[in-house]
Amino acid sequence: TGLSVLEEPWDPPAGRFDRARPLLLAADLPAFRPWRNRLTHPRGHVQLRLGRDHLWYAYESEPDQDDWWPRGTPDPDPVGALTGLDTLGDA
């Protein structure tokens, strides 16, 4: 599933996706930029993608690159999906 989430962008319905950004801000994370089913860290090195299974998948990349690597464990909570990513401390 993580690979299909990586390779197949889609437009999720309002609801879970729209609630994710305030949850990230409440967790003291910066404002992630939305695009389709993706939320990207302002520095461009961390991304969350909402799967069709309604789970959040975390990915990491070098800033300004388009080579994303799955990280962590899928989670219904966007903040939970980021748990354990060391690069968030680089915010």
PDB file of N, CA and C in Angstrom:
ATOM      1  N   THR A   1       0.826  -1.193   0.000  1.00  0.00           N
ATOM      2  CA  THR A   1       0.000   0.000   0.000  1.00  0.00           C
ATOM      3  C   THR A   1       0.865   1.250   0.000  1.00  0.00           C
ATOM      4  N   GLY A   2       1.969   1.235   0.742  1.00  0.00           N
ATOM      5  CA  GLY A   2       2.849   2.399   0.809  1.00  0.00           C
ATOM      6  C   GLY A   2       3.373   2.810  -0.552  1.00  0.00           C
ATOM      7  N   LEU A   3       3.630   1.833  -1.432  1.00  0.00           N
ATOM      8  CA  LEU A   3       4.111   2.173  -2.774  1.00  0.00           C
ATOM      9  C   LEU A   3       3.007   2.764  -3.629  1.00  0.00           C
ATOM     10  N   SER A   4       1.789   2.244  -3.514  1.00  0.00           N
ATOM     11  CA  SER A   4       0.696   2.824  -4.305  1.00  0.00           C
ATOM     12  C   SER A   4       0.403   4.243  -3.843  1.00  0.00           C
ATOM     13  N   VAL A   5       0.508   4.508  -2.541  1.00  0.00           N
ATOM     14  CA  VAL A   5       0.314   5.865  -2.025  1.00  0.00           C
ATOM     15  C   VAL A   5       1.393   6.785  -2.582  1.00  0.00           C
ATOM     16  N   LEU A   6       2.612   6.268  -2.694  1.00  0.00           N
ATOM     17  CA  LEU A   6       3.725   7.043  -3.226  1.00  0.00           C
ATOM     18  C   LEU A   6       3.523   7.379  -4.701  1.00  0.00           C
ATOM     19  N   GLU A   7       3.021   6.419  -5.470  1.00  0.00           N
ATOM     20  CA  GLU A   7       2.982   6.562  -6.927  1.00  0.00           C
ATOM     21  C   GLU A   7       1.667   7.060  -7.495  1.00  0.00           C
ATOM     22  N   GLU A   8       0.594   7.088  -6.708  1.00  0.00           N
ATOM     23  CA  GLU A   8      -0.723   7.438  -7.246  1.00  0.00           C
ATOM     24  C   GLU A   8      -1.364   8.586  -6.476  1.00  0.00           C
ATOM     25  N   PRO A   9      -1.089   9.847  -6.856  1.00  0.00           N
ATOM     26  CA  PRO A   9      -1.765  10.962  -6.188  1.00  0.00           C
ATOM     27  C   PRO A   9      -3.266  10.925  -6.488  1.00  0.00           C
ATOM     28  N   TRP A  10      -4.057  11.391  -5.554  1.00  0.00           N
ATOM     29  CA  TRP A  10      -5.506  11.434  -5.728  1.00  0.00           C
ATOM     30  C   TRP A  10      -6.065  12.590  -4.916  1.00  0.00           C
ATOM     31  N   ASP A  11      -7.300  12.915  -5.151  1.00  0.00           N
ATOM     32  CA  ASP A  11      -7.953  14.027  -4.463  1.00  0.00           C
ATOM     33  C   ASP A  11      -8.890  13.473  -3.390  1.00  0.00           C
ATOM     34  N   PRO A  12      -8.444  13.490  -2.129  1.00  0.00           N
ATOM     35  CA  PRO A  12      -9.289  12.950  -1.059  1.00  0.00           C
ATOM     36  C   PRO A  12     -10.477  13.861  -0.784  1.00  0.00           C
ATOM     37  N   PRO A  13     -11.557  13.277  -0.296  1.00  0.00           N
ATOM     38  CA  PRO A  13     -12.701  14.118   0.085  1.00  0.00           C
ATOM     39  C   PRO A  13     -12.362  14.945   1.313  1.00  0.00           C
ATOM     40  N   ALA A  14     -13.126  15.995   1.516  1.00  0.00           N
ATOM     41  CA  ALA A  14     -12.933  16.838   2.705  1.00  0.00           C
ATOM     42  C   ALA A  14     -13.132  15.989   3.952  1.00  0.00           C
ATOM     43  N   GLY A  15     -12.538  16.402   5.007  1.00  0.00           N
ATOM     44  CA  GLY A  15     -12.684  15.663   6.268  1.00  0.00           C
ATOM     45  C   GLY A  15     -11.331  15.393   6.862  1.00  0.00           C
ATOM     46  N   ARG A  16     -10.940  14.140   6.844  1.00  0.00           N
ATOM     47  CA  ARG A  16      -9.695  13.719   7.481  1.00  0.00           C
ATOM     48  C   ARG A  16      -8.500  14.518   6.967  1.00  0.00           C
ATOM     49  N   PHE A  17      -8.428  14.740   5.657  1.00  0.00           N
ATOM     50  CA  PHE A  17      -7.309  15.484   5.086  1.00  0.00           C
ATOM     51  C   PHE A  17      -7.322  16.931   5.581  1.00  0.00           C
ATOM     52  N   ASP A  18      -8.493  17.543   5.592  1.00  0.00           N
ATOM     53  CA  ASP A  18      -8.604  18.942   6.011  1.00  0.00           C
ATOM     54  C   ASP A  18      -8.295  19.135   7.496  1.00  0.00           C
ATOM     55  N   ARG A  19      -8.534  18.112   8.309  1.00  0.00           N
ATOM     56  CA  ARG A  19      -8.246  18.206   9.741  1.00  0.00           C
ATOM     57  C   ARG A  19      -6.774  17.981  10.054  1.00  0.00           C
ATOM     58  N   ALA A  20      -6.012  17.447   9.120  1.00  0.00           N
ATOM     59  CA  ALA A  20      -4.608  17.108   9.381  1.00  0.00           C
ATOM     60  C   ALA A  20      -3.744  18.339   9.625  1.00  0.00           C
ATOM     61  N   ARG A  21      -3.913  19.381   8.846  1.00  0.00           N
ATOM     62  CA  ARG A  21      -3.041  20.560   8.996  1.00  0.00           C
ATOM     63  C   ARG A  21      -3.176  21.198  10.375  1.00  0.00           C
ATOM     64  N   PRO A  22      -4.385  21.412  10.905  1.00  0.00           N
ATOM     65  CA  PRO A  22      -4.477  21.949  12.267  1.00  0.00           C
ATOM     66  C   PRO A  22      -3.880  21.004  13.316  1.00  0.00           C
ATOM     67  N   LEU A  23      -3.998  19.698  13.102  1.00  0.00           N
ATOM     68  CA  LEU A  23      -3.406  18.750  14.042  1.00  0.00           C
ATOM     69  C   LEU A  23      -1.882  18.873  14.054  1.00  0.00           C
ATOM     70  N   LEU A  24      -1.290  19.050  12.887  1.00  0.00           N
ATOM     71  CA  LEU A  24       0.165  19.216  12.794  1.00  0.00           C
ATOM     72  C   LEU A  24       0.601  20.515  13.466  1.00  0.00           C
ATOM     73  N   LEU A  25      -0.155  21.583  13.239  1.00  0.00           N
ATOM     74  CA  LEU A  25       0.168  22.860  13.883  1.00  0.00           C
ATOM     75  C   LEU A  25       0.033  22.760  15.405  1.00  0.00           C
ATOM     76  N   ALA A  26      -0.983  22.049  15.884  1.00  0.00           N
ATOM     77  CA  ALA A  26      -1.177  21.880  17.321  1.00  0.00           C
ATOM     78  C   ALA A  26      -0.035  21.085  17.952  1.00  0.00           C
ATOM     79  N   ALA A  27       0.642  20.266  17.144  1.00  0.00           N
ATOM     80  CA  ALA A  27       1.786  19.479  17.628  1.00  0.00           C
ATOM     81  C   ALA A  27       3.095  20.255  17.496  1.00  0.00           C
ATOM     82  N   ASP A  28       2.995  21.562  17.273  1.00  0.00           N
ATOM     83  CA  ASP A  28       4.167  22.436  17.130  1.00  0.00           C
ATOM     84  C   ASP A  28       4.999  22.143  15.894  1.00  0.00           C
ATOM     85  N   LEU A  29       4.360  21.657  14.866  1.00  0.00           N
ATOM     86  CA  LEU A  29       5.029  21.442  13.582  1.00  0.00           C
ATOM     87  C   LEU A  29       4.701  22.618  12.675  1.00  0.00           C
ATOM     88  N   PRO A  30       5.542  22.892  11.682  1.00  0.00           N
ATOM     89  CA  PRO A  30       5.266  24.021  10.794  1.00  0.00           C
ATOM     90  C   PRO A  30       4.066  23.734   9.883  1.00  0.00           C
ATOM     91  N   ALA A  31       3.629  24.742   9.166  1.00  0.00           N
ATOM     92  CA  ALA A  31       2.492  24.606   8.253  1.00  0.00           C
ATOM     93  C   ALA A  31       2.911  23.809   7.018  1.00  0.00           C
ATOM     94  N   PHE A  32       2.443  22.585   6.933  1.00  0.00           N
ATOM     95  CA  PHE A  32       2.720  21.736   5.780  1.00  0.00           C
ATOM     96  C   PHE A  32       1.901  22.238   4.591  1.00  0.00           C
ATOM     97  N   ARG A  33       2.482  22.212   3.398  1.00  0.00           N
ATOM     98  CA  ARG A  33       1.800  22.664   2.173  1.00  0.00           C
ATOM     99  C   ARG A  33       0.976  21.519   1.582  1.00  0.00           C
ATOM    100  N   PRO A  34      -0.308  21.755   1.284  1.00  0.00           N
ATOM    101  CA  PRO A  34      -1.145  20.707   0.708  1.00  0.00           C
ATOM    102  C   PRO A  34      -1.065  20.670  -0.820  1.00  0.00           C
ATOM    103  N   TRP A  35      -1.183  19.492  -1.360  1.00  0.00           N
ATOM    104  CA  TRP A  35      -1.376  19.272  -2.798  1.00  0.00           C
ATOM    105  C   TRP A  35      -1.939  17.876  -2.960  1.00  0.00           C
ATOM    106  N   ARG A  36      -3.124  17.795  -3.506  1.00  0.00           N
ATOM    107  CA  ARG A  36      -3.850  16.542  -3.682  1.00  0.00           C
ATOM    108  C   ARG A  36      -3.891  15.774  -2.369  1.00  0.00           C
ATOM    109  N   ASN A  37      -3.330  14.576  -2.273  1.00  0.00           N
ATOM    110  CA  ASN A  37      -3.358  13.812  -1.019  1.00  0.00           C
ATOM    111  C   ASN A  37      -2.063  13.962  -0.224  1.00  0.00           C
ATOM    112  N   ARG A  38      -1.295  15.017  -0.514  1.00  0.00           N
ATOM    113  CA  ARG A  38       0.018  15.194   0.093  1.00  0.00           C
ATOM    114  C   ARG A  38       0.083  16.447   0.953  1.00  0.00           C
ATOM    115  N   LEU A  39       0.825  16.344   2.038  1.00  0.00           N
ATOM    116  CA  LEU A  39       1.177  17.491   2.865  1.00  0.00           C
ATOM    117  C   LEU A  39       2.696  17.497   2.962  1.00  0.00           C
ATOM    118  N   THR A  40       3.323  18.591   2.527  1.00  0.00           N
ATOM    119  CA  THR A  40       4.774  18.668   2.464  1.00  0.00           C
ATOM    120  C   THR A  40       5.303  19.706   3.446  1.00  0.00           C
ATOM    121  N   HIS A  41       6.313  19.297   4.200  1.00  0.00           N
ATOM    122  CA  HIS A  41       7.008  20.184   5.135  1.00  0.00           C
ATOM    123  C   HIS A  41       7.543  21.381   4.350  1.00  0.00           C
ATOM    124  N   PRO A  42       7.546  22.588   4.915  1.00  0.00           N
ATOM    125  CA  PRO A  42       8.013  23.778   4.189  1.00  0.00           C
ATOM    126  C   PRO A  42       9.446  23.652   3.658  1.00  0.00           C
ATOM    127  N   ARG A  43      10.288  22.881   4.324  1.00  0.00           N
ATOM    128  CA  ARG A  43      11.661  22.699   3.833  1.00  0.00           C
ATOM    129  C   ARG A  43      11.739  21.650   2.738  1.00  0.00           C
ATOM    130  N   GLY A  44      10.655  20.922   2.485  1.00  0.00           N
ATOM    131  CA  GLY A  44      10.601  19.975   1.384  1.00  0.00           C
ATOM    132  C   GLY A  44      11.287  18.652   1.625  1.00  0.00           C
ATOM    133  N   HIS A  45      11.593  18.317   2.865  1.00  0.00           N
ATOM    134  CA  HIS A  45      12.309  17.072   3.127  1.00  0.00           C
ATOM    135  C   HIS A  45      11.450  15.992   3.781  1.00  0.00           C
ATOM    136  N   VAL A  46      10.235  16.337   4.196  1.00  0.00           N
ATOM    137  CA  VAL A  46       9.304  15.387   4.807  1.00  0.00           C
ATOM    138  C   VAL A  46       7.946  15.593   4.165  1.00  0.00           C
ATOM    139  N   GLN A  47       7.273  14.476   3.927  1.00  0.00           N
ATOM    140  CA  GLN A  47       5.950  14.556   3.313  1.00  0.00           C
ATOM    141  C   GLN A  47       5.050  13.508   3.943  1.00  0.00           C
ATOM    142  N   LEU A  48       3.802  13.884   4.134  1.00  0.00           N
ATOM    143  CA  LEU A  48       2.758  12.956   4.542  1.00  0.00           C
ATOM    144  C   LEU A  48       1.828  12.759   3.363  1.00  0.00           C
ATOM    145  N   ARG A  49       1.423  11.525   3.152  1.00  0.00           N
ATOM    146  CA  ARG A  49       0.453  11.246   2.088  1.00  0.00           C
ATOM    147  C   ARG A  49      -0.680  10.420   2.675  1.00  0.00           C
ATOM    148  N   LEU A  50      -1.888  10.841   2.368  1.00  0.00           N
ATOM    149  CA  LEU A  50      -3.074  10.123   2.821  1.00  0.00           C
ATOM    150  C   LEU A  50      -3.394   9.039   1.805  1.00  0.00           C
ATOM    151  N   GLY A  51      -3.433   7.791   2.274  1.00  0.00           N
ATOM    152  CA  GLY A  51      -3.779   6.674   1.399  1.00  0.00           C
ATOM    153  C   GLY A  51      -5.279   6.513   1.275  1.00  0.00           C
ATOM    154  N   ARG A  52      -5.688   5.774   0.272  1.00  0.00           N
ATOM    155  CA  ARG A  52      -7.117   5.490   0.092  1.00  0.00           C
ATOM    156  C   ARG A  52      -7.658   4.641   1.238  1.00  0.00           C
ATOM    157  N   ASP A  53      -6.746   4.041   2.012  1.00  0.00           N
ATOM    158  CA  ASP A  53      -7.129   3.272   3.193  1.00  0.00           C
ATOM    159  C   ASP A  53      -7.305   4.169   4.414  1.00  0.00           C
ATOM    160  N   HIS A  54      -7.219   5.497   4.220  1.00  0.00           N
ATOM    161  CA  HIS A  54      -7.394   6.519   5.261  1.00  0.00           C
ATOM    162  C   HIS A  54      -6.284   6.501   6.309  1.00  0.00           C
ATOM    163  N   LEU A  55      -5.127   5.960   5.956  1.00  0.00           N
ATOM    164  CA  LEU A  55      -3.953   6.008   6.805  1.00  0.00           C
ATOM    165  C   LEU A  55      -2.981   7.019   6.240  1.00  0.00           C
ATOM    166  N   TRP A  56      -2.196   7.625   7.134  1.00  0.00           N
ATOM    167  CA  TRP A  56      -1.160   8.567   6.731  1.00  0.00           C
ATOM    168  C   TRP A  56       0.167   7.835   6.604  1.00  0.00           C
ATOM    169  N   TYR A  57       0.898   8.133   5.535  1.00  0.00           N
ATOM    170  CA  TYR A  57       2.199   7.531   5.257  1.00  0.00           C
ATOM    171  C   TYR A  57       3.231   8.645   5.223  1.00  0.00           C
ATOM    172  N   ALA A  58       4.327   8.444   5.935  1.00  0.00           N
ATOM    173  CA  ALA A  58       5.406   9.443   5.971  1.00  0.00           C
ATOM    174  C   ALA A  58       6.490   9.056   4.965  1.00  0.00           C
ATOM    175  N   TYR A  59       7.047  10.071   4.317  1.00  0.00           N
ATOM    176  CA  TYR A  59       8.140   9.898   3.357  1.00  0.00           C
ATOM    177  C   TYR A  59       9.186  10.968   3.622  1.00  0.00           C
ATOM    178  N   GLU A  60      10.435  10.643   3.288  1.00  0.00           N
ATOM    179  CA  GLU A  60      11.533  11.606   3.416  1.00  0.00           C
ATOM    180  C   GLU A  60      12.261  11.706   2.084  1.00  0.00           C
ATOM    181  N   SER A  61      12.875  12.864   1.868  1.00  0.00           N
ATOM    182  CA  SER A  61      13.643  13.126   0.664  1.00  0.00           C
ATOM    183  C   SER A  61      14.707  14.169   0.981  1.00  0.00           C
ATOM    184  N   GLU A  62      15.644  14.307   0.096  1.00  0.00           N
ATOM    185  CA  GLU A  62      16.556  15.440   0.178  1.00  0.00           C
ATOM    186  C   GLU A  62      15.757  16.676  -0.233  1.00  0.00           C
ATOM    187  N   PRO A  63      15.984  17.828   0.395  1.00  0.00           N
ATOM    188  CA  PRO A  63      15.224  19.024   0.014  1.00  0.00           C
ATOM    189  C   PRO A  63      15.301  19.298  -1.483  1.00  0.00           C
ATOM    190  N   ASP A  64      14.164  19.660  -2.045  1.00  0.00           N
ATOM    191  CA  ASP A  64      14.017  20.007  -3.466  1.00  0.00           C
ATOM    192  C   ASP A  64      14.313  18.854  -4.413  1.00  0.00           C
ATOM    193  N   GLN A  65      14.251  17.634  -3.925  1.00  0.00           N
ATOM    194  CA  GLN A  65      14.393  16.453  -4.775  1.00  0.00           C
ATOM    195  C   GLN A  65      13.027  15.780  -4.877  1.00  0.00           C
ATOM    196  N   ASP A  66      12.870  14.917  -5.846  1.00  0.00           N
ATOM    197  CA  ASP A  66      11.597  14.220  -6.007  1.00  0.00           C
ATOM    198  C   ASP A  66      11.766  12.715  -5.825  1.00  0.00           C
ATOM    199  N   ASP A  67      12.716  12.314  -4.986  1.00  0.00           N
ATOM    200  CA  ASP A  67      12.932  10.902  -4.699  1.00  0.00           C
ATOM    201  C   ASP A  67      12.526  10.616  -3.257  1.00  0.00           C
ATOM    202  N   TRP A  68      11.296  10.209  -3.073  1.00  0.00           N
ATOM    203  CA  TRP A  68      10.724  10.014  -1.745  1.00  0.00           C
ATOM    204  C   TRP A  68      10.910   8.583  -1.286  1.00  0.00           C
ATOM    205  N   TRP A  69      11.250   8.435   0.014  1.00  0.00           N
ATOM    206  CA  TRP A  69      11.472   7.127   0.618  1.00  0.00           C
ATOM    207  C   TRP A  69      10.515   6.945   1.784  1.00  0.00           C
ATOM    208  N   PRO A  70       9.809   5.811   1.822  1.00  0.00           N
ATOM    209  CA  PRO A  70       8.878   5.583   2.927  1.00  0.00           C
ATOM    210  C   PRO A  70       9.617   5.491   4.258  1.00  0.00           C
ATOM    211  N   ARG A  71       9.013   6.052   5.290  1.00  0.00           N
ATOM    212  CA  ARG A  71       9.582   6.040   6.641  1.00  0.00           C
ATOM    213  C   ARG A  71       8.471   5.780   7.651  1.00  0.00           C
ATOM    214  N   GLY A  72       8.813   5.153   8.732  1.00  0.00           N
ATOM    215  CA  GLY A  72       7.862   4.969   9.820  1.00  0.00           C
ATOM    216  C   GLY A  72       6.764   3.970   9.503  1.00  0.00           C
ATOM    217  N   THR A  73       5.717   4.053  10.294  1.00  0.00           N
ATOM    218  CA  THR A  73       4.583   3.142  10.199  1.00  0.00           C
ATOM    219  C   THR A  73       3.334   3.935   9.845  1.00  0.00           C
ATOM    220  N   PRO A  74       2.518   3.445   8.896  1.00  0.00           N
ATOM    221  CA  PRO A  74       1.265   4.146   8.588  1.00  0.00           C
ATOM    222  C   PRO A  74       0.416   4.293   9.846  1.00  0.00           C
ATOM    223  N   ASP A  75      -0.307   5.404   9.913  1.00  0.00           N
ATOM    224  CA  ASP A  75      -1.068   5.708  11.123  1.00  0.00           C
ATOM    225  C   ASP A  75      -2.324   6.483  10.736  1.00  0.00           C
ATOM    226  N   PRO A  76      -3.447   6.280  11.441  1.00  0.00           N
ATOM    227  CA  PRO A  76      -4.639   7.085  11.155  1.00  0.00           C
ATOM    228  C   PRO A  76      -4.469   8.548  11.570  1.00  0.00           C
ATOM    229  N   ASP A  77      -3.473   8.826  12.409  1.00  0.00           N
ATOM    230  CA  ASP A  77      -3.192  10.183  12.884  1.00  0.00           C
ATOM    231  C   ASP A  77      -1.959  10.719  12.156  1.00  0.00           C
ATOM    232  N   PRO A  78      -2.038  11.892  11.512  1.00  0.00           N
ATOM    233  CA  PRO A  78      -0.877  12.405  10.785  1.00  0.00           C
ATOM    234  C   PRO A  78       0.330  12.641  11.677  1.00  0.00           C
ATOM    235  N   VAL A  79       0.099  13.082  12.902  1.00  0.00           N
ATOM    236  CA  VAL A  79       1.220  13.300  13.827  1.00  0.00           C
ATOM    237  C   VAL A  79       1.845  11.955  14.194  1.00  0.00           C
ATOM    238  N   GLY A  80       1.027  10.951  14.406  1.00  0.00           N
ATOM    239  CA  GLY A  80       1.524   9.612  14.715  1.00  0.00           C
ATOM    240  C   GLY A  80       2.368   9.032  13.595  1.00  0.00           C
ATOM    241  N   ALA A  81       2.013   9.327  12.349  1.00  0.00           N
ATOM    242  CA  ALA A  81       2.782   8.822  11.208  1.00  0.00           C
ATOM    243  C   ALA A  81       4.186   9.414  11.177  1.00  0.00           C
ATOM    244  N   LEU A  82       4.356  10.572  11.780  1.00  0.00           N
ATOM    245  CA  LEU A  82       5.673  11.230  11.804  1.00  0.00           C
ATOM    246  C   LEU A  82       6.520  10.810  12.999  1.00  0.00           C
ATOM    247  N   THR A  83       5.960  10.048  13.912  1.00  0.00           N
ATOM    248  CA  THR A  83       6.683   9.643  15.113  1.00  0.00           C
ATOM    249  C   THR A  83       7.955   8.896  14.737  1.00  0.00           C
ATOM    250  N   GLY A  84       9.045   9.335  15.329  1.00  0.00           N
ATOM    251  CA  GLY A  84      10.325   8.674  15.104  1.00  0.00           C
ATOM    252  C   GLY A  84      11.159   9.241  13.974  1.00  0.00           C
ATOM    253  N   LEU A  85      10.624  10.194  13.222  1.00  0.00           N
ATOM    254  CA  LEU A  85      11.426  10.793  12.151  1.00  0.00           C
ATOM    255  C   LEU A  85      12.360  11.828  12.743  1.00  0.00           C
ATOM    256  N   ASP A  86      13.639  11.558  12.690  1.00  0.00           N
ATOM    257  CA  ASP A  86      14.634  12.476  13.263  1.00  0.00           C
ATOM    258  C   ASP A  86      14.701  13.793  12.514  1.00  0.00           C
ATOM    259  N   THR A  87      14.396  13.805  11.228  1.00  0.00           N
ATOM    260  CA  THR A  87      14.564  15.013  10.427  1.00  0.00           C
ATOM    261  C   THR A  87      13.542  16.089  10.757  1.00  0.00           C
ATOM    262  N   LEU A  88      12.527  15.776  11.539  1.00  0.00           N
ATOM    263  CA  LEU A  88      11.570  16.820  11.942  1.00  0.00           C
ATOM    264  C   LEU A  88      12.226  17.811  12.869  1.00  0.00           C
ATOM    265  N   GLY A  89      13.245  17.388  13.587  1.00  0.00           N
ATOM    266  CA  GLY A  89      13.982  18.293  14.446  1.00  0.00           C
ATOM    267  C   GLY A  89      14.737  19.341  13.673  1.00  0.00           C
ATOM    268  N   ASP A  90      14.863  19.161  12.357  1.00  0.00           N
ATOM    269  CA  ASP A  90      15.553  20.122  11.496  1.00  0.00           C
ATOM    270  C   ASP A  90      14.644  21.264  11.079  1.00  0.00           C
ATOM    271  N   ALA A  91      13.431  21.316  11.645  1.00  0.00           N
ATOM    272  CA  ALA A  91      12.434  22.298  11.210  1.00  0.00           C
ATOM    273  C   ALA A  91      12.911  23.720  11.414  1.00  0.00           C
TER     274      ALA A  91
END
